[in-house]
Structures are given as structure tokens and as C-alpha cells.
Amino acid sequence: MKRRLPSLNALRAFEAAARHLSFTRAADELAVTQAAISHQIKGLEEQIGMPLFQRRNRSLILTRAGQMLLPDMTDAFDRMDSSLSKIKRQDEAGILTVSTMDSLAATWLMPRLAKFRAQHDDIDVRLATSDTIVDYERDGIDIGIRYGLGQWPGLIAEKLMPEKIFPVCAPELLQKNDGLVKPQDLRGHTLIHDDMPEDWNMWLKAAGVADIDPTRGPGYSHSNLVMQAAINGEGVALGRDLLVADALLAGVLVKPFDLALTASYSYYVTRTMLGAERPKVRLFYEWLLGEARETASRLARTAPLEEIDV
């Protein structure tokens, strides 16, 4: 059905002027000039073929037509405002689907989600874990945390925090006769590997240790399994800031050396251009950055790390 309606600006000008019985106050409310209000109302009166206002002794009163039109216009604008507010509230609340890797979800993100829920109990966070890149539009992903160089087509990527790589082990290993005082002491210990075996080679090279085979020792496909093996005392693993943060703070892992290698890869918060503007995505994004800053601050207090280069 084709509707032949006046312009929305003209109807807004009439409703505000009629409600205030003042062109001046209507102009203030709508952030336009009084002349603009007068022009819009004149055009509206011409379109409907009858006056809507009468001017008497500097006062403004509604004609019969104006009195009939005002309640319907006020109700219509109130309902539009209510509908738009409802849509906004639904976008701020509801389900938020977060994509990330299994290891980060298990060791860092999940233990913190209760804090987000306490602050935003109208948002239900759903974790979709995958070690491969997913299609955000196709899979309904609102926001993600990915590991890489920060370059993914179609996504805004902002670094969550720089990543440092350093050896970690159970405290008990430091208490043994063949303890860990200097990097060369790793000769007498088992090296634990994840699916990035070149990291041990780079760290040993940067630390000046040349006579250790960086490929020896058990390996696990997920970083959280590597960290659990280290906690169990199976050997020494290479830890990454976010993945070992809670274990270090809890004292179940320790840093035997104060040497850290800055990784070329980092964790990035990723969003689509459209998704970045959604209120619930923005809330979760800002919360993530705050949690990362807190983690970095607490880690810095455990033991300062000296950065080394390959």
C-alpha cells in the first residue's frame, strides 16, 4: 500500500510545536532554527489544506484540525521511540558468540567470564572454539580472539597484548639437585613441546645455549596440554603470557629464568566492520582489553623479564 504522507521532519516540527505551543521551544528541542520550524509547518498546512495553528496576542493555539492531529502524532512518535529503544536493548542484550582457540578459552578466557556475566547479566556469552579461521558472517560470530600477525581479510584486528615466550616449570623442579639456575641447566631436563617446535630452537639460540637438541622431549597438540604436563612436573615448557598467567599467579608454575623472547605472533581481538559498532560487541571488546591489561600488570609483578632477540 502506497502512503502519501507528509515528510517526517514536518510532522516532527508540528508535534513539538503543538506540544509546547511554541515554535521557539520546538526549535530548541529539535536543534533547528525557529524559521525552519515555521517553514515545515507552513508546508504541512499547505499539504493538508487547512491551518493547524492560530496566533493570538503573541500566543499560539491549536485549530480544531491541530487538536485532532496532535494526539495521533504524539502517540506515533512515542511508539516509534519505544520500538527503536526495544531494538537497541535487544542488540545490547541477548546472545554474544565468541570465537577463540581451545587453549586460550580453557586457560585464560573461561576463568574470567563470570566477571563479565556479573557486570552484564543480560548478555549470554557462547564460546565457539576452533583452531582454524572461521567465517564470522556465516557462523554467526560476534567477536573473536585469534592468534597470528593481525591480518585477516574482512576483519578489524587489534592486539590484545604483546606476547612473550619463556620457560616455565613446576616449582619442584627448582628444588632438585639438578635445578635450573641458568639456561645451560636445561641440558639435564626434559623439554616439552607444543605444535610450534621451532619456538624452543629460537629461545635457546637467543639465550646463547648451543648444545641442546631443541627437538627432544614429548609433544602435545594443544598448548593447554603442554602447560598441564609442566604443572605435573614432566619437564620444562615454553609458556606464553596469556596461557600461563593464572598458573604463574597461582604458583603452580614458575619462571626459572628472567629471559623472554618476544613472539612475532600475538593474540588479537577480531570483529567485522559492522559488528564492531554493536553495543554488546563493544562492551565485550572493552572488557577484554581491560582484562588483558590487568593480566599484564599482575604478571609484571611476579618477576620482571628481560627481553632477548634471536
C-alpha atoms as a PDB file:
ATOM      1  CA  MET A   1       0.000   0.000   0.000  1.00  0.00           C
ATOM      2  CA  LYS A   2       1.415   3.347  -1.101  1.00  0.00           C
ATOM      3  CA  ARG A   3       1.143   6.032   1.563  1.00  0.00           C
ATOM      4  CA  ARG A   4       1.085   9.687   0.590  1.00  0.00           C
ATOM      5  CA  LEU A   5       2.391  11.132   3.830  1.00  0.00           C
ATOM      6  CA  PRO A   6       3.983  14.467   4.683  1.00  0.00           C
ATOM      7  CA  SER A   7       7.701  14.478   5.423  1.00  0.00           C
ATOM      8  CA  LEU A   8       8.825  13.151   8.790  1.00  0.00           C
ATOM      9  CA  ASN A   9      10.557  16.469   9.530  1.00  0.00           C
ATOM     10  CA  ALA A  10       7.291  18.347   9.004  1.00  0.00           C
ATOM     11  CA  LEU A  11       5.384  16.003  11.305  1.00  0.00           C
ATOM     12  CA  ARG A  12       8.096  16.223  13.980  1.00  0.00           C
ATOM     13  CA  ALA A  13       8.037  20.027  13.751  1.00  0.00           C
ATOM     14  CA  PHE A  14       4.255  20.091  14.150  1.00  0.00           C
ATOM     15  CA  GLU A  15       4.207  17.629  17.063  1.00  0.00           C
ATOM     16  CA  ALA A  16       6.887  19.503  19.010  1.00  0.00           C
ATOM     17  CA  ALA A  17       5.360  22.947  18.338  1.00  0.00           C
ATOM     18  CA  ALA A  18       1.870  21.725  19.225  1.00  0.00           C
ATOM     19  CA  ARG A  19       3.045  20.044  22.403  1.00  0.00           C
ATOM     20  CA  HIS A  20       4.951  23.144  23.563  1.00  0.00           C
ATOM     21  CA  LEU A  21       2.575  25.651  21.935  1.00  0.00           C
ATOM     22  CA  SER A  22       5.759  27.423  20.949  1.00  0.00           C
ATOM     23  CA  PHE A  23       7.841  27.483  17.774  1.00  0.00           C
ATOM     24  CA  THR A  24      10.843  28.627  19.819  1.00  0.00           C
ATOM     25  CA  ARG A  25      10.765  25.704  22.264  1.00  0.00           C
ATOM     26  CA  ALA A  26      10.105  23.278  19.398  1.00  0.00           C
ATOM     27  CA  ALA A  27      13.187  24.612  17.617  1.00  0.00           C
ATOM     28  CA  ASP A  28      15.281  24.138  20.772  1.00  0.00           C
ATOM     29  CA  GLU A  29      14.059  20.558  21.192  1.00  0.00           C
ATOM     30  CA  LEU A  30      14.778  19.591  17.587  1.00  0.00           C
ATOM     31  CA  ALA A  31      18.026  21.583  17.384  1.00  0.00           C
ATOM     32  CA  VAL A  32      16.912  23.660  14.399  1.00  0.00           C
ATOM     33  CA  THR A  33      16.044  27.309  13.865  1.00  0.00           C
ATOM     34  CA  GLN A  34      12.631  28.820  14.552  1.00  0.00           C
ATOM     35  CA  ALA A  35      12.436  29.697  10.863  1.00  0.00           C
ATOM     36  CA  ALA A  36      12.904  26.034   9.973  1.00  0.00           C
ATOM     37  CA  ILE A  37      10.004  25.046  12.249  1.00  0.00           C
ATOM     38  CA  SER A  38       7.807  27.725  10.701  1.00  0.00           C
ATOM     39  CA  HIS A  39       8.736  26.596   7.181  1.00  0.00           C
ATOM     40  CA  GLN A  40       7.992  22.931   7.907  1.00  0.00           C
ATOM     41  CA  ILE A  41       4.620  23.698   9.475  1.00  0.00           C
ATOM     42  CA  LYS A  42       3.638  26.034   6.623  1.00  0.00           C
ATOM     43  CA  GLY A  43       4.404  23.262   4.143  1.00  0.00           C
ATOM     44  CA  LEU A  44       2.381  20.765   6.196  1.00  0.00           C
ATOM     45  CA  GLU A  45      -0.610  23.119   6.351  1.00  0.00           C
ATOM     46  CA  GLU A  46      -0.435  23.600   2.586  1.00  0.00           C
ATOM     47  CA  GLN A  47      -0.313  19.848   2.002  1.00  0.00           C
ATOM     48  CA  ILE A  48      -3.360  19.050   4.155  1.00  0.00           C
ATOM     49  CA  GLY A  49      -5.210  22.211   3.024  1.00  0.00           C
ATOM     50  CA  MET A  50      -6.039  23.729   6.401  1.00  0.00           C
ATOM     51  CA  PRO A  51      -4.327  25.682   9.204  1.00  0.00           C
ATOM     52  CA  LEU A  52      -3.069  23.875  12.285  1.00  0.00           C
ATOM     53  CA  PHE A  53      -2.289  26.901  14.467  1.00  0.00           C
ATOM     54  CA  GLN A  54      -3.778  30.294  15.235  1.00  0.00           C
ATOM     55  CA  ARG A  55      -1.693  33.158  16.569  1.00  0.00           C
ATOM     56  CA  ARG A  56      -3.391  35.393  19.141  1.00  0.00           C
ATOM     57  CA  ASN A  57      -1.620  38.177  21.017  1.00  0.00           C
ATOM     58  CA  ARG A  58       1.811  36.526  20.741  1.00  0.00           C
ATOM     59  CA  SER A  59       0.375  33.195  21.868  1.00  0.00           C
ATOM     60  CA  LEU A  60      -0.083  30.052  19.814  1.00  0.00           C
ATOM     61  CA  ILE A  61      -3.224  27.910  19.936  1.00  0.00           C
ATOM     62  CA  LEU A  62      -4.240  24.823  18.010  1.00  0.00           C
ATOM     63  CA  THR A  63      -7.048  24.848  15.495  1.00  0.00           C
ATOM     64  CA  ARG A  64      -9.594  22.043  15.516  1.00  0.00           C
ATOM     65  CA  ALA A  65      -7.507  20.220  12.883  1.00  0.00           C
ATOM     66  CA  GLY A  66      -4.388  20.678  15.010  1.00  0.00           C
ATOM     67  CA  GLN A  67      -6.177  19.360  18.104  1.00  0.00           C
ATOM     68  CA  MET A  68      -7.251  16.254  16.167  1.00  0.00           C
ATOM     69  CA  LEU A  69      -3.768  15.641  14.757  1.00  0.00           C
ATOM     70  CA  LEU A  70      -1.660  16.161  17.887  1.00  0.00           C
ATOM     71  CA  PRO A  71      -2.675  13.062  19.942  1.00  0.00           C
ATOM     72  CA  ASP A  72      -2.110  10.730  16.998  1.00  0.00           C
ATOM     73  CA  MET A  73       1.269  12.286  16.189  1.00  0.00           C
ATOM     74  CA  THR A  74       2.440  12.131  19.808  1.00  0.00           C
ATOM     75  CA  ASP A  75       1.330   8.510  20.061  1.00  0.00           C
ATOM     76  CA  ALA A  76       3.026   7.621  16.767  1.00  0.00           C
ATOM     77  CA  PHE A  77       6.343   9.185  17.795  1.00  0.00           C
ATOM     78  CA  ASP A  78       6.148   7.575  21.244  1.00  0.00           C
ATOM     79  CA  ARG A  79       5.613   4.161  19.630  1.00  0.00           C
ATOM     80  CA  MET A  80       8.491   4.705  17.203  1.00  0.00           C
ATOM     81  CA  ASP A  81      10.745   5.707  20.081  1.00  0.00           C
ATOM     82  CA  SER A  82       9.656   2.642  22.070  1.00  0.00           C
ATOM     83  CA  SER A  83      10.293   0.299  19.124  1.00  0.00           C
ATOM     84  CA  LEU A  84      13.728   1.738  18.453  1.00  0.00           C
ATOM     85  CA  SER A  85      14.631   1.503  22.152  1.00  0.00           C
ATOM     86  CA  LYS A  86      13.452  -2.108  22.209  1.00  0.00           C
ATOM     87  CA  ILE A  87      15.615  -2.965  19.203  1.00  0.00           C
ATOM     88  CA  LYS A  88      18.605  -1.286  20.835  1.00  0.00           C
ATOM     89  CA  ARG A  89      18.043  -3.160  24.121  1.00  0.00           C
ATOM     90  CA  GLN A  90      17.813  -6.464  22.257  1.00  0.00           C
ATOM     91  CA  ASP A  91      21.092  -5.742  20.480  1.00  0.00           C
ATOM     92  CA  GLU A  92      22.745  -4.790  23.757  1.00  0.00           C
ATOM     93  CA  ALA A  93      21.481  -7.971  25.377  1.00  0.00           C
ATOM     94  CA  GLY A  94      20.909 -11.498  24.141  1.00  0.00           C
ATOM     95  CA  ILE A  95      23.489 -13.992  22.923  1.00  0.00           C
ATOM     96  CA  LEU A  96      27.090 -12.985  22.184  1.00  0.00           C
ATOM     97  CA  THR A  97      29.027 -15.624  20.248  1.00  0.00           C
ATOM     98  CA  VAL A  98      32.785 -15.516  20.793  1.00  0.00           C
ATOM     99  CA  SER A  99      35.233 -17.441  18.625  1.00  0.00           C
ATOM    100  CA  THR A 100      38.652 -18.396  20.000  1.00  0.00           C
ATOM    101  CA  MET A 101      41.127 -21.259  20.293  1.00  0.00           C
ATOM    102  CA  ASP A 102      40.662 -24.162  22.707  1.00  0.00           C
ATOM    103  CA  SER A 103      43.851 -23.370  24.611  1.00  0.00           C
ATOM    104  CA  LEU A 104      43.054 -19.705  25.281  1.00  0.00           C
ATOM    105  CA  ALA A 105      39.444 -20.469  26.146  1.00  0.00           C
ATOM    106  CA  ALA A 106      40.418 -23.101  28.721  1.00  0.00           C
ATOM    107  CA  THR A 107      43.338 -21.339  30.382  1.00  0.00           C
ATOM    108  CA  TRP A 108      42.523 -17.631  30.273  1.00  0.00           C
ATOM    109  CA  LEU A 109      39.088 -16.664  28.961  1.00  0.00           C
ATOM    110  CA  MET A 110      36.742 -19.094  30.710  1.00  0.00           C
ATOM    111  CA  PRO A 111      38.050 -18.392  34.240  1.00  0.00           C
ATOM    112  CA  ARG A 112      37.222 -14.706  33.688  1.00  0.00           C
ATOM    113  CA  LEU A 113      33.811 -14.919  32.051  1.00  0.00           C
ATOM    114  CA  ALA A 114      31.983 -14.971  35.389  1.00  0.00           C
ATOM    115  CA  LYS A 115      33.206 -11.397  35.946  1.00  0.00           C
ATOM    116  CA  PHE A 116      31.707 -10.287  32.630  1.00  0.00           C
ATOM    117  CA  ARG A 117      28.397 -12.010  33.405  1.00  0.00           C
ATOM    118  CA  ALA A 118      28.261 -10.300  36.793  1.00  0.00           C
ATOM    119  CA  GLN A 119      28.604  -6.915  35.091  1.00  0.00           C
ATOM    120  CA  HIS A 120      26.281  -7.713  32.146  1.00  0.00           C
ATOM    121  CA  ASP A 121      23.783 -10.360  33.218  1.00  0.00           C
ATOM    122  CA  ASP A 122      21.573  -9.657  30.189  1.00  0.00           C
ATOM    123  CA  ILE A 123      24.267 -10.915  27.782  1.00  0.00           C
ATOM    124  CA  ASP A 124      24.742 -14.663  27.345  1.00  0.00           C
ATOM    125  CA  VAL A 125      28.257 -15.447  26.131  1.00  0.00           C
ATOM    126  CA  ARG A 126      28.590 -18.528  23.933  1.00  0.00           C
ATOM    127  CA  LEU A 127      32.109 -19.786  23.186  1.00  0.00           C
ATOM    128  CA  ALA A 128      32.769 -21.335  19.785  1.00  0.00           C
ATOM    129  CA  THR A 129      36.275 -22.815  19.923  1.00  0.00           C
ATOM    130  CA  SER A 130      38.281 -23.661  16.835  1.00  0.00           C
ATOM    131  CA  ASP A 131      41.949 -23.623  15.913  1.00  0.00           C
ATOM    132  CA  THR A 132      41.094 -22.688  12.337  1.00  0.00           C
ATOM    133  CA  ILE A 133      39.803 -19.384  10.961  1.00  0.00           C
ATOM    134  CA  VAL A 134      36.007 -19.272  10.774  1.00  0.00           C
ATOM    135  CA  ASP A 135      33.633 -17.208   8.643  1.00  0.00           C
ATOM    136  CA  TYR A 136      32.166 -14.659  11.076  1.00  0.00           C
ATOM    137  CA  GLU A 137      29.114 -13.856   8.939  1.00  0.00           C
ATOM    138  CA  ARG A 138      28.305 -17.452   8.002  1.00  0.00           C
ATOM    139  CA  ASP A 139      28.875 -18.853  11.500  1.00  0.00           C
ATOM    140  CA  GLY A 140      27.202 -16.014  13.405  1.00  0.00           C
ATOM    141  CA  ILE A 141      30.374 -14.932  15.243  1.00  0.00           C
ATOM    142  CA  ASP A 142      30.119 -11.578  17.011  1.00  0.00           C
ATOM    143  CA  ILE A 143      33.726 -11.220  18.171  1.00  0.00           C
ATOM    144  CA  GLY A 144      36.813 -13.389  18.250  1.00  0.00           C
ATOM    145  CA  ILE A 145      40.309 -13.771  19.655  1.00  0.00           C
ATOM    146  CA  ARG A 146      42.756 -15.116  17.089  1.00  0.00           C
ATOM    147  CA  TYR A 147      46.471 -15.873  17.137  1.00  0.00           C
ATOM    148  CA  GLY A 148      48.616 -14.567  14.304  1.00  0.00           C
ATOM    149  CA  LEU A 149      50.059 -11.463  12.699  1.00  0.00           C
ATOM    150  CA  GLY A 150      46.824  -9.469  12.890  1.00  0.00           C
ATOM    151  CA  GLN A 151      45.949  -9.659   9.208  1.00  0.00           C
ATOM    152  CA  TRP A 152      42.650 -11.342   8.378  1.00  0.00           C
ATOM    153  CA  PRO A 153      40.647 -10.113   5.355  1.00  0.00           C
ATOM    154  CA  GLY A 154      37.343  -8.503   6.266  1.00  0.00           C
ATOM    155  CA  LEU A 155      38.134  -8.261   9.986  1.00  0.00           C
ATOM    156  CA  ILE A 156      39.262  -5.456  12.268  1.00  0.00           C
ATOM    157  CA  ALA A 157      42.143  -6.835  14.345  1.00  0.00           C
ATOM    158  CA  GLU A 158      43.511  -5.114  17.440  1.00  0.00           C
ATOM    159  CA  LYS A 159      46.299  -6.602  19.538  1.00  0.00           C
ATOM    160  CA  LEU A 160      45.086  -7.919  22.877  1.00  0.00           C
ATOM    161  CA  MET A 161      48.590  -7.787  24.369  1.00  0.00           C
ATOM    162  CA  PRO A 162      52.144  -8.378  23.129  1.00  0.00           C
ATOM    163  CA  GLU A 163      53.204 -11.971  23.643  1.00  0.00           C
ATOM    164  CA  LYS A 164      56.397 -13.082  25.342  1.00  0.00           C
ATOM    165  CA  ILE A 165      57.684 -16.657  25.323  1.00  0.00           C
ATOM    166  CA  PHE A 166      59.690 -18.008  28.282  1.00  0.00           C
ATOM    167  CA  PRO A 167      60.398 -21.341  30.003  1.00  0.00           C
ATOM    168  CA  VAL A 168      58.092 -22.447  32.819  1.00  0.00           C
ATOM    169  CA  CYS A 169      58.105 -25.476  35.083  1.00  0.00           C
ATOM    170  CA  ALA A 170      56.690 -26.844  38.294  1.00  0.00           C
ATOM    171  CA  PRO A 171      58.293 -25.336  41.446  1.00  0.00           C
ATOM    172  CA  GLU A 172      59.531 -28.800  42.456  1.00  0.00           C
ATOM    173  CA  LEU A 173      61.998 -28.869  39.563  1.00  0.00           C
ATOM    174  CA  LEU A 174      63.852 -25.899  41.023  1.00  0.00           C
ATOM    175  CA  GLN A 175      64.370 -27.750  44.283  1.00  0.00           C
ATOM    176  CA  LYS A 176      66.096 -30.803  42.819  1.00  0.00           C
ATOM    177  CA  ASN A 177      69.861 -31.254  42.823  1.00  0.00           C
ATOM    178  CA  ASP A 178      69.977 -30.643  39.094  1.00  0.00           C
ATOM    179  CA  GLY A 179      67.900 -27.481  39.457  1.00  0.00           C
ATOM    180  CA  LEU A 180      67.513 -24.660  36.982  1.00  0.00           C
ATOM    181  CA  VAL A 181      69.740 -21.671  37.677  1.00  0.00           C
ATOM    182  CA  LYS A 182      70.909 -20.718  34.205  1.00  0.00           C
ATOM    183  CA  PRO A 183      69.642 -21.640  30.708  1.00  0.00           C
ATOM    184  CA  GLN A 184      72.511 -24.114  30.226  1.00  0.00           C
ATOM    185  CA  ASP A 185      70.997 -26.202  33.042  1.00  0.00           C
ATOM    186  CA  LEU A 186      68.236 -27.217  30.623  1.00  0.00           C
ATOM    187  CA  ARG A 187      70.638 -29.899  29.379  1.00  0.00           C
ATOM    188  CA  GLY A 188      69.590 -32.032  32.322  1.00  0.00           C
ATOM    189  CA  HIS A 189      65.847 -31.549  31.888  1.00  0.00           C
ATOM    190  CA  THR A 190      63.094 -32.713  29.566  1.00  0.00           C
ATOM    191  CA  LEU A 191      61.784 -30.136  27.099  1.00  0.00           C
ATOM    192  CA  ILE A 192      58.024 -30.239  26.495  1.00  0.00           C
ATOM    193  CA  HIS A 193      56.743 -29.209  23.052  1.00  0.00           C
ATOM    194  CA  ASP A 194      53.536 -27.901  21.540  1.00  0.00           C
ATOM    195  CA  ASP A 195      52.686 -27.749  17.828  1.00  0.00           C
ATOM    196  CA  MET A 196      55.245 -24.961  17.266  1.00  0.00           C
ATOM    197  CA  PRO A 197      58.537 -26.856  17.810  1.00  0.00           C
ATOM    198  CA  GLU A 198      60.645 -24.057  16.330  1.00  0.00           C
ATOM    199  CA  ASP A 199      59.977 -21.914  19.428  1.00  0.00           C
ATOM    200  CA  TRP A 200      62.397 -23.903  21.600  1.00  0.00           C
ATOM    201  CA  ASN A 201      65.075 -23.582  18.938  1.00  0.00           C
ATOM    202  CA  MET A 202      64.616 -19.794  18.795  1.00  0.00           C
ATOM    203  CA  TRP A 203      64.570 -19.355  22.578  1.00  0.00           C
ATOM    204  CA  LEU A 204      67.687 -21.477  23.128  1.00  0.00           C
ATOM    205  CA  LYS A 205      69.514 -19.619  20.378  1.00  0.00           C
ATOM    206  CA  ALA A 206      68.539 -16.235  21.825  1.00  0.00           C
ATOM    207  CA  ALA A 207      69.614 -17.366  25.319  1.00  0.00           C
ATOM    208  CA  GLY A 208      73.033 -18.424  23.992  1.00  0.00           C
ATOM    209  CA  VAL A 209      72.567 -22.159  24.548  1.00  0.00           C
ATOM    210  CA  ALA A 210      74.006 -24.053  21.602  1.00  0.00           C
ATOM    211  CA  ASP A 211      74.471 -27.678  22.666  1.00  0.00           C
ATOM    212  CA  ILE A 212      70.906 -28.764  23.446  1.00  0.00           C
ATOM    213  CA  ASP A 213      68.776 -30.643  20.928  1.00  0.00           C
ATOM    214  CA  PRO A 214      65.610 -28.480  20.739  1.00  0.00           C
ATOM    215  CA  THR A 215      63.573 -31.314  19.217  1.00  0.00           C
ATOM    216  CA  ARG A 216      63.905 -33.805  22.064  1.00  0.00           C
ATOM    217  CA  GLY A 217      61.133 -34.427  24.587  1.00  0.00           C
ATOM    218  CA  PRO A 218      57.392 -35.192  24.479  1.00  0.00           C
ATOM    219  CA  GLY A 219      54.923 -33.132  22.454  1.00  0.00           C
ATOM    220  CA  TYR A 220      51.259 -32.233  22.696  1.00  0.00           C
ATOM    221  CA  SER A 221      48.902 -30.812  20.092  1.00  0.00           C
ATOM    222  CA  HIS A 222      47.359 -28.171  22.376  1.00  0.00           C
ATOM    223  CA  SER A 223      49.115 -25.588  24.490  1.00  0.00           C
ATOM    224  CA  ASN A 224      46.877 -26.223  27.496  1.00  0.00           C
ATOM    225  CA  LEU A 225      48.034 -29.876  27.494  1.00  0.00           C
ATOM    226  CA  VAL A 226      51.641 -28.674  27.400  1.00  0.00           C
ATOM    227  CA  MET A 227      51.025 -26.449  30.415  1.00  0.00           C
ATOM    228  CA  GLN A 228      49.344 -29.273  32.309  1.00  0.00           C
ATOM    229  CA  ALA A 229      52.320 -31.535  31.606  1.00  0.00           C
ATOM    230  CA  ALA A 230      54.624 -28.850  33.017  1.00  0.00           C
ATOM    231  CA  ILE A 231      52.411 -28.459  36.093  1.00  0.00           C
ATOM    232  CA  ASN A 232      52.612 -32.236  36.572  1.00  0.00           C
ATOM    233  CA  GLY A 233      56.393 -31.974  36.692  1.00  0.00           C
ATOM    234  CA  GLU A 234      57.066 -33.757  33.406  1.00  0.00           C
ATOM    235  CA  GLY A 235      59.626 -31.174  32.308  1.00  0.00           C
ATOM    236  CA  VAL A 236      60.114 -27.596  31.164  1.00  0.00           C
ATOM    237  CA  ALA A 237      57.724 -25.969  28.699  1.00  0.00           C
ATOM    238  CA  LEU A 238      57.721 -22.697  26.833  1.00  0.00           C
ATOM    239  CA  GLY A 239      54.959 -20.558  28.250  1.00  0.00           C
ATOM    240  CA  ARG A 240      53.064 -17.734  26.578  1.00  0.00           C
ATOM    241  CA  ASP A 241      51.872 -14.799  28.694  1.00  0.00           C
ATOM    242  CA  LEU A 242      48.119 -15.287  28.490  1.00  0.00           C
ATOM    243  CA  LEU A 243      48.211 -19.079  28.558  1.00  0.00           C
ATOM    244  CA  VAL A 244      50.341 -19.367  31.713  1.00  0.00           C
ATOM    245  CA  ALA A 245      49.192 -16.225  33.533  1.00  0.00           C
ATOM    246  CA  ASP A 246      46.858 -17.880  36.015  1.00  0.00           C
ATOM    247  CA  ALA A 247      49.208 -20.815  36.643  1.00  0.00           C
ATOM    248  CA  LEU A 248      52.062 -18.420  37.442  1.00  0.00           C
ATOM    249  CA  LEU A 249      49.880 -16.278  39.687  1.00  0.00           C
ATOM    250  CA  ALA A 250      48.665 -19.410  41.492  1.00  0.00           C
ATOM    251  CA  GLY A 251      52.228 -20.632  41.983  1.00  0.00           C
ATOM    252  CA  VAL A 252      51.753 -23.984  40.235  1.00  0.00           C
ATOM    253  CA  LEU A 253      54.209 -22.843  37.554  1.00  0.00           C
ATOM    254  CA  VAL A 254      57.313 -20.701  37.954  1.00  0.00           C
ATOM    255  CA  LYS A 255      59.741 -18.906  35.636  1.00  0.00           C
ATOM    256  CA  PRO A 256      63.215 -20.367  36.253  1.00  0.00           C
ATOM    257  CA  PHE A 257      64.926 -17.648  34.182  1.00  0.00           C
ATOM    258  CA  ASP A 258      64.287 -13.957  33.622  1.00  0.00           C
ATOM    259  CA  LEU A 259      64.749 -14.193  29.841  1.00  0.00           C
ATOM    260  CA  ALA A 260      61.809 -13.840  27.450  1.00  0.00           C
ATOM    261  CA  LEU A 261      61.556 -13.943  23.681  1.00  0.00           C
ATOM    262  CA  THR A 262      59.091 -11.530  22.083  1.00  0.00           C
ATOM    263  CA  ALA A 263      56.905 -13.531  19.716  1.00  0.00           C
ATOM    264  CA  SER A 264      56.187 -12.405  16.177  1.00  0.00           C
ATOM    265  CA  TYR A 265      52.624 -13.699  16.625  1.00  0.00           C
ATOM    266  CA  SER A 266      50.190 -12.286  19.179  1.00  0.00           C
ATOM    267  CA  TYR A 267      46.585 -12.613  20.274  1.00  0.00           C
ATOM    268  CA  TYR A 268      44.228 -10.187  18.528  1.00  0.00           C
ATOM    269  CA  VAL A 269      40.625  -9.208  19.163  1.00  0.00           C
ATOM    270  CA  THR A 270      38.819  -9.530  15.835  1.00  0.00           C
ATOM    271  CA  ARG A 271      35.480  -8.111  14.687  1.00  0.00           C
ATOM    272  CA  THR A 272      33.718  -7.351  11.442  1.00  0.00           C
ATOM    273  CA  MET A 273      33.272  -3.693  10.482  1.00  0.00           C
ATOM    274  CA  LEU A 274      29.527  -3.949  11.121  1.00  0.00           C
ATOM    275  CA  GLY A 275      29.871  -5.984  14.309  1.00  0.00           C
ATOM    276  CA  ALA A 276      32.313  -3.525  15.857  1.00  0.00           C
ATOM    277  CA  GLU A 277      29.512  -0.949  16.167  1.00  0.00           C
ATOM    278  CA  ARG A 278      27.091  -3.227  18.003  1.00  0.00           C
ATOM    279  CA  PRO A 279      26.735  -2.279  21.687  1.00  0.00           C
ATOM    280  CA  LYS A 280      27.189  -5.781  23.141  1.00  0.00           C
ATOM    281  CA  VAL A 281      30.265  -6.383  20.966  1.00  0.00           C
ATOM    282  CA  ARG A 282      31.743  -3.072  22.058  1.00  0.00           C
ATOM    283  CA  LEU A 283      31.083  -3.924  25.720  1.00  0.00           C
ATOM    284  CA  PHE A 284      32.819  -7.295  25.421  1.00  0.00           C
ATOM    285  CA  TYR A 285      35.711  -5.776  23.438  1.00  0.00           C
ATOM    286  CA  GLU A 286      36.356  -3.127  26.095  1.00  0.00           C
ATOM    287  CA  TRP A 287      36.072  -5.745  28.845  1.00  0.00           C
ATOM    288  CA  LEU A 288      38.617  -7.995  27.076  1.00  0.00           C
ATOM    289  CA  LEU A 289      41.146  -5.182  26.801  1.00  0.00           C
ATOM    290  CA  GLY A 290      40.679  -4.363  30.480  1.00  0.00           C
ATOM    291  CA  GLU A 291      41.237  -7.986  31.497  1.00  0.00           C
ATOM    292  CA  ALA A 292      44.362  -8.202  29.323  1.00  0.00           C
ATOM    293  CA  ARG A 293      45.774  -5.040  30.901  1.00  0.00           C
ATOM    294  CA  GLU A 294      45.131  -6.427  34.371  1.00  0.00           C
ATOM    295  CA  THR A 295      46.789  -9.729  33.449  1.00  0.00           C
ATOM    296  CA  ALA A 296      49.856  -7.966  32.059  1.00  0.00           C
ATOM    297  CA  SER A 297      50.122  -5.795  35.171  1.00  0.00           C
ATOM    298  CA  ARG A 298      49.880  -8.754  37.547  1.00  0.00           C
ATOM    299  CA  LEU A 299      52.392 -10.783  35.532  1.00  0.00           C
ATOM    300  CA  ALA A 300      54.876  -7.913  35.585  1.00  0.00           C
ATOM    301  CA  ARG A 301      54.792  -8.016  39.385  1.00  0.00           C
ATOM    302  CA  THR A 302      55.625 -11.746  39.594  1.00  0.00           C
ATOM    303  CA  ALA A 303      59.152 -11.380  38.199  1.00  0.00           C
ATOM    304  CA  PRO A 304      60.463  -8.908  35.625  1.00  0.00           C
ATOM    305  CA  LEU A 305      61.502 -10.425  32.315  1.00  0.00           C
ATOM    306  CA  GLU A 306      64.446  -9.344  30.192  1.00  0.00           C
ATOM    307  CA  GLU A 307      63.606  -9.464  26.509  1.00  0.00           C
ATOM    308  CA  ILE A 308      66.039 -11.303  24.242  1.00  0.00           C
ATOM    309  CA  ASP A 309      66.271 -11.337  20.458  1.00  0.00           C
ATOM    310  CA  VAL A 310      67.063 -14.174  18.119  1.00  0.00           C
END
